[in-house]
Amino acid sequence: MAATWNITNGTVVPETEDVVMKNGGRLVDATYAYADLADSSTIAQSLKRETAAKIIRAFVNSSTRILRHFGGEIRSFDGDRVMAIYMGDDKNWSAVRAALAINWAVEEVIRPAIRSNWSDGEDFYNISHRVGVDTGESLIVRGGARNNNDLISVGGAPNIAAKLSDLKNGYSTYITDRVFDELPDDLVYYESTGVRRSSWSKLYSQVRIGGTYNTVYGSNTYWGI
């Protein structure tokens, strides 16, 4: 508690070794994406352990590959949840594009694989997930003990993104207005029968997270790699 912080501005997502354990910190302007497999407790308790493990692993593996494919740096795993950090001028586009690709992977790859690989797969193939995305300034520090430590992101963006991935409003992707307002048209609209339509729906009420009220948009759009 008495140590004086040694905080520097970060231009890239730091590795664990880049941040001093005692008092180091990196201040970053970053976008956070949390991908979470919904109802994994039900999957784990209602299916054989080996079956549940294959489904959860398929989601985590797919999410990790996609988040990295679009330039994200993975900095946390928590059971069936994966967190990636994006920095740079295209951080919001990259994080949201990855979220839409994860939705594609669930719809077009994982669900069909479940149906085709188990004789009773029709009973449990319809898995769902949520990805939460927010952007803003965060402080990355190192927490834990010697040989047992990791990076911790402190700030509104990582906390809000994580909470958005817990929402149950019927969408697979949730983003704040801070992210939405920075998106180019290719991630805001899509063409259908010659008509340009919005990919997003604004939630009727603001989402209260940690004492703040946030304007949130949801989408079920998916876009393959």
Protein backbone atom coordinates (compact mmCIF):
# COMPACT_ATOMS: atom_id res chain seq x y z
CA MET A 1 0.00 0.00 0.00
CA ALA A 2 2.90 2.36 0.68
CA ALA A 3 4.72 1.80 -2.62
CA THR A 4 4.67 4.70 -5.08
CA TRP A 5 3.32 3.78 -8.49
CA ASN A 6 5.63 3.84 -11.49
CA ILE A 7 3.08 4.26 -14.28
CA THR A 8 4.00 4.75 -17.94
CA ASN A 9 1.84 5.21 -21.03
CA GLY A 10 1.48 2.05 -23.10
CA THR A 11 1.36 1.98 -26.88
CA VAL A 12 1.03 -1.81 -27.16
CA VAL A 13 -0.65 -4.42 -24.99
CA PRO A 14 1.98 -5.37 -22.39
CA GLU A 15 3.20 -8.85 -21.59
CA THR A 16 3.28 -9.91 -17.95
CA GLU A 17 7.06 -9.44 -17.78
CA ASP A 18 6.75 -5.87 -19.09
CA VAL A 19 5.10 -4.67 -15.88
CA VAL A 20 7.08 -4.49 -12.62
CA MET A 21 5.49 -6.64 -9.93
CA LYS A 22 5.91 -4.23 -7.01
CA ASN A 23 4.66 -0.94 -8.36
CA GLY A 24 4.59 -0.99 -12.16
CA GLY A 25 1.64 0.03 -14.27
CA ARG A 26 0.78 0.76 -17.90
CA LEU A 27 -1.90 3.28 -18.80
CA VAL A 28 -3.56 2.24 -22.06
CA ASP A 29 -6.34 3.43 -24.33
CA ALA A 30 -7.77 0.06 -25.29
CA THR A 31 -10.84 -1.90 -26.31
CA TYR A 32 -11.75 -5.02 -24.35
CA ALA A 33 -13.70 -8.00 -25.68
CA TYR A 34 -15.05 -10.76 -23.43
CA ALA A 35 -16.37 -13.92 -25.07
CA ASP A 36 -18.46 -16.12 -22.77
CA LEU A 37 -20.23 -19.43 -23.41
CA ALA A 38 -23.74 -19.10 -21.99
CA ASP A 39 -25.18 -21.68 -19.58
CA SER A 40 -21.93 -23.62 -19.37
CA SER A 41 -22.94 -24.79 -15.88
CA THR A 42 -25.97 -26.52 -17.39
CA ILE A 43 -23.78 -28.08 -20.08
CA ALA A 44 -21.29 -29.32 -17.49
CA GLN A 45 -23.96 -30.78 -15.21
CA SER A 46 -26.35 -32.26 -17.77
CA LEU A 47 -23.86 -33.93 -20.13
CA LYS A 48 -21.06 -36.42 -19.66
CA ARG A 49 -17.86 -34.71 -18.54
CA GLU A 50 -16.05 -35.67 -21.73
CA THR A 51 -18.85 -34.32 -23.93
CA ALA A 52 -19.14 -31.08 -21.96
CA ALA A 53 -15.38 -30.62 -22.08
CA LYS A 54 -15.31 -30.99 -25.88
CA ILE A 55 -18.05 -28.38 -26.33
CA ILE A 56 -16.49 -25.88 -23.93
CA ARG A 57 -13.04 -26.42 -25.41
CA ALA A 58 -14.40 -25.94 -28.95
CA PHE A 59 -15.85 -22.57 -27.95
CA VAL A 60 -12.73 -21.42 -26.10
CA ASN A 61 -10.43 -22.60 -28.90
CA SER A 62 -12.53 -20.96 -31.62
CA SER A 63 -12.89 -17.68 -29.70
CA THR A 64 -9.18 -17.52 -28.97
CA ARG A 65 -8.21 -18.11 -32.59
CA ILE A 66 -10.69 -15.52 -33.87
CA LEU A 67 -9.82 -12.85 -31.30
CA ARG A 68 -6.14 -13.26 -32.18
CA HIS A 69 -6.86 -13.37 -35.93
CA PHE A 70 -8.23 -9.83 -35.72
CA GLY A 71 -5.27 -8.53 -33.76
CA GLY A 72 -6.36 -9.06 -30.18
CA GLU A 73 -3.96 -9.98 -27.40
CA ILE A 74 -5.38 -12.66 -25.09
CA ARG A 75 -4.78 -11.73 -21.46
CA SER A 76 -7.25 -13.82 -19.49
CA PHE A 77 -8.99 -17.19 -19.43
CA ASP A 78 -11.69 -17.88 -16.88
CA GLY A 79 -13.32 -21.25 -17.39
CA ASP A 80 -15.36 -20.80 -20.57
CA ARG A 81 -14.56 -17.07 -20.87
CA VAL A 82 -11.82 -15.48 -22.96
CA MET A 83 -10.69 -11.84 -22.73
CA ALA A 84 -8.76 -10.00 -25.44
CA ILE A 85 -7.34 -6.49 -25.54
CA TYR A 86 -7.14 -4.38 -28.70
CA MET A 87 -5.12 -1.22 -29.21
CA GLY A 88 -4.47 1.10 -32.13
CA ASP A 89 -6.60 3.17 -34.48
CA ASP A 90 -8.76 0.21 -35.56
CA LYS A 91 -9.25 -1.28 -32.08
CA ASN A 92 -13.04 -0.92 -32.07
CA TRP A 93 -13.48 -2.29 -35.59
CA SER A 94 -11.20 -5.24 -34.80
CA ALA A 95 -12.92 -6.16 -31.54
CA VAL A 96 -16.43 -5.96 -32.99
CA ARG A 97 -15.41 -7.76 -36.17
CA ALA A 98 -14.01 -10.57 -34.00
CA ALA A 99 -17.25 -10.72 -32.03
CA LEU A 100 -19.30 -11.15 -35.22
CA ALA A 101 -16.90 -13.86 -36.38
CA ILE A 102 -17.30 -15.72 -33.08
CA ASN A 103 -21.05 -15.65 -33.64
CA TRP A 104 -20.45 -17.11 -37.10
CA ALA A 105 -18.28 -19.87 -35.62
CA VAL A 106 -20.98 -20.82 -33.12
CA GLU A 107 -23.74 -20.77 -35.76
CA GLU A 108 -21.94 -22.36 -38.68
CA VAL A 109 -19.18 -24.51 -37.18
CA ILE A 110 -19.70 -25.55 -33.55
CA ARG A 111 -23.43 -26.23 -33.57
CA PRO A 112 -23.31 -28.37 -36.75
CA ALA A 113 -20.32 -30.25 -35.33
CA ILE A 114 -22.27 -31.09 -32.17
CA ARG A 115 -25.26 -32.30 -34.17
CA SER A 116 -23.15 -34.52 -36.40
CA ASN A 117 -20.79 -35.99 -33.80
CA TRP A 118 -23.32 -37.30 -31.26
CA SER A 119 -26.35 -39.45 -31.98
CA ASP A 120 -28.37 -37.33 -29.52
CA GLY A 121 -26.66 -34.08 -30.52
CA GLU A 122 -29.99 -32.66 -31.65
CA ASP A 123 -30.92 -32.41 -27.97
CA PHE A 124 -28.08 -30.09 -26.96
CA TYR A 125 -26.49 -28.61 -30.09
CA ASN A 126 -28.16 -25.21 -29.72
CA ILE A 127 -25.51 -23.63 -27.50
CA SER A 128 -25.43 -19.87 -27.10
CA HIS A 129 -22.84 -17.30 -26.16
CA ARG A 130 -22.32 -13.59 -25.60
CA VAL A 131 -19.48 -11.19 -26.38
CA GLY A 132 -19.21 -7.86 -24.55
CA VAL A 133 -17.12 -4.98 -25.92
CA ASP A 134 -16.23 -1.62 -24.40
CA THR A 135 -13.43 0.89 -24.88
CA GLY A 136 -11.63 3.45 -22.77
CA GLU A 137 -8.58 4.20 -20.64
CA SER A 138 -7.43 1.43 -18.30
CA LEU A 139 -4.52 0.82 -15.95
CA ILE A 140 -2.80 -2.54 -16.39
CA VAL A 141 -0.94 -3.74 -13.29
CA ARG A 142 0.53 -7.02 -12.14
CA GLY A 143 -1.05 -8.92 -9.28
CA GLY A 144 -0.36 -12.12 -7.38
CA ALA A 145 2.80 -13.55 -5.86
CA ARG A 146 6.21 -14.54 -7.16
CA ASN A 147 5.85 -17.27 -9.81
CA ASN A 148 2.07 -17.03 -9.49
CA ASN A 149 0.91 -13.74 -10.97
CA ASP A 150 -0.78 -12.20 -13.96
CA LEU A 151 -1.86 -8.87 -15.41
CA ILE A 152 -4.95 -7.12 -14.07
CA SER A 153 -6.84 -4.45 -16.03
CA VAL A 154 -8.37 -1.76 -13.85
CA GLY A 155 -10.89 0.63 -15.38
CA GLY A 156 -14.37 1.00 -16.73
CA ALA A 157 -13.81 -0.66 -20.11
CA PRO A 158 -12.68 -4.12 -18.90
CA ASN A 159 -15.30 -4.20 -16.16
CA ILE A 160 -18.17 -3.10 -18.40
CA ALA A 161 -17.16 -5.44 -21.25
CA ALA A 162 -17.16 -8.36 -18.80
CA LYS A 163 -20.59 -7.42 -17.45
CA LEU A 164 -22.01 -7.02 -20.95
CA SER A 165 -21.08 -10.63 -21.69
CA ASP A 166 -23.46 -11.60 -18.86
CA LEU A 167 -26.50 -9.83 -20.35
CA LYS A 168 -29.51 -11.90 -21.36
CA ASN A 169 -31.43 -9.64 -23.71
CA GLY A 170 -31.48 -12.05 -26.65
CA TYR A 171 -28.35 -10.88 -28.48
CA SER A 172 -24.97 -12.51 -29.02
CA THR A 173 -22.93 -9.27 -29.15
CA TYR A 174 -23.24 -6.26 -26.87
CA ILE A 175 -21.32 -3.01 -27.27
CA THR A 176 -21.48 0.38 -25.58
CA ASP A 177 -22.22 3.61 -27.42
CA ARG A 178 -18.52 4.47 -26.98
CA VAL A 179 -17.73 1.60 -29.34
CA PHE A 180 -20.77 2.00 -31.58
CA ASP A 181 -20.06 5.67 -32.28
CA GLU A 182 -16.60 4.77 -33.62
CA LEU A 183 -17.69 1.99 -35.99
CA PRO A 184 -17.54 2.44 -39.78
CA ASP A 185 -20.56 1.66 -41.91
CA ASP A 186 -19.44 -1.88 -42.77
CA LEU A 187 -20.06 -2.91 -39.15
CA VAL A 188 -23.17 -0.82 -38.60
CA TYR A 189 -25.21 -1.78 -41.68
CA TYR A 190 -25.75 -4.75 -43.95
CA GLU A 191 -27.45 -5.18 -47.32
CA SER A 192 -30.58 -7.33 -47.59
CA THR A 193 -32.60 -7.58 -50.81
CA GLY A 194 -31.10 -4.30 -51.95
CA VAL A 195 -32.02 -2.47 -48.74
CA ARG A 196 -29.50 -1.20 -46.22
CA ARG A 197 -30.45 -2.31 -42.73
CA SER A 198 -28.93 -1.72 -39.30
CA SER A 199 -27.05 -4.60 -37.70
CA TRP A 200 -27.72 -3.23 -34.21
CA SER A 201 -30.62 -2.62 -31.86
CA LYS A 202 -30.39 -0.06 -29.09
CA LEU A 203 -31.54 -1.49 -25.75
CA TYR A 204 -34.61 0.31 -24.43
CA SER A 205 -33.12 1.07 -21.03
CA GLN A 206 -29.57 1.92 -20.04
CA VAL A 207 -27.51 -0.77 -18.34
CA ARG A 208 -26.36 0.02 -14.81
CA ILE A 209 -22.85 -1.27 -14.14
CA GLY A 210 -20.85 -0.28 -11.09
CA GLY A 211 -22.94 2.79 -10.44
CA THR A 212 -22.79 4.09 -14.00
CA TYR A 213 -25.51 3.94 -16.65
CA ASN A 214 -24.42 2.81 -20.09
CA THR A 215 -26.12 3.01 -23.48
CA VAL A 216 -25.81 -0.45 -25.03
CA TYR A 217 -26.43 -1.88 -28.50
CA GLY A 218 -27.06 -5.55 -29.25
CA SER A 219 -26.67 -7.59 -32.42
CA ASN A 220 -27.15 -11.13 -33.66
CA THR A 221 -25.33 -10.46 -36.93
CA TYR A 222 -22.60 -12.91 -37.83
CA TRP A 223 -19.79 -12.54 -40.31
CA GLY A 224 -17.34 -15.32 -41.13
CA ILE A 225 -13.62 -14.97 -41.44
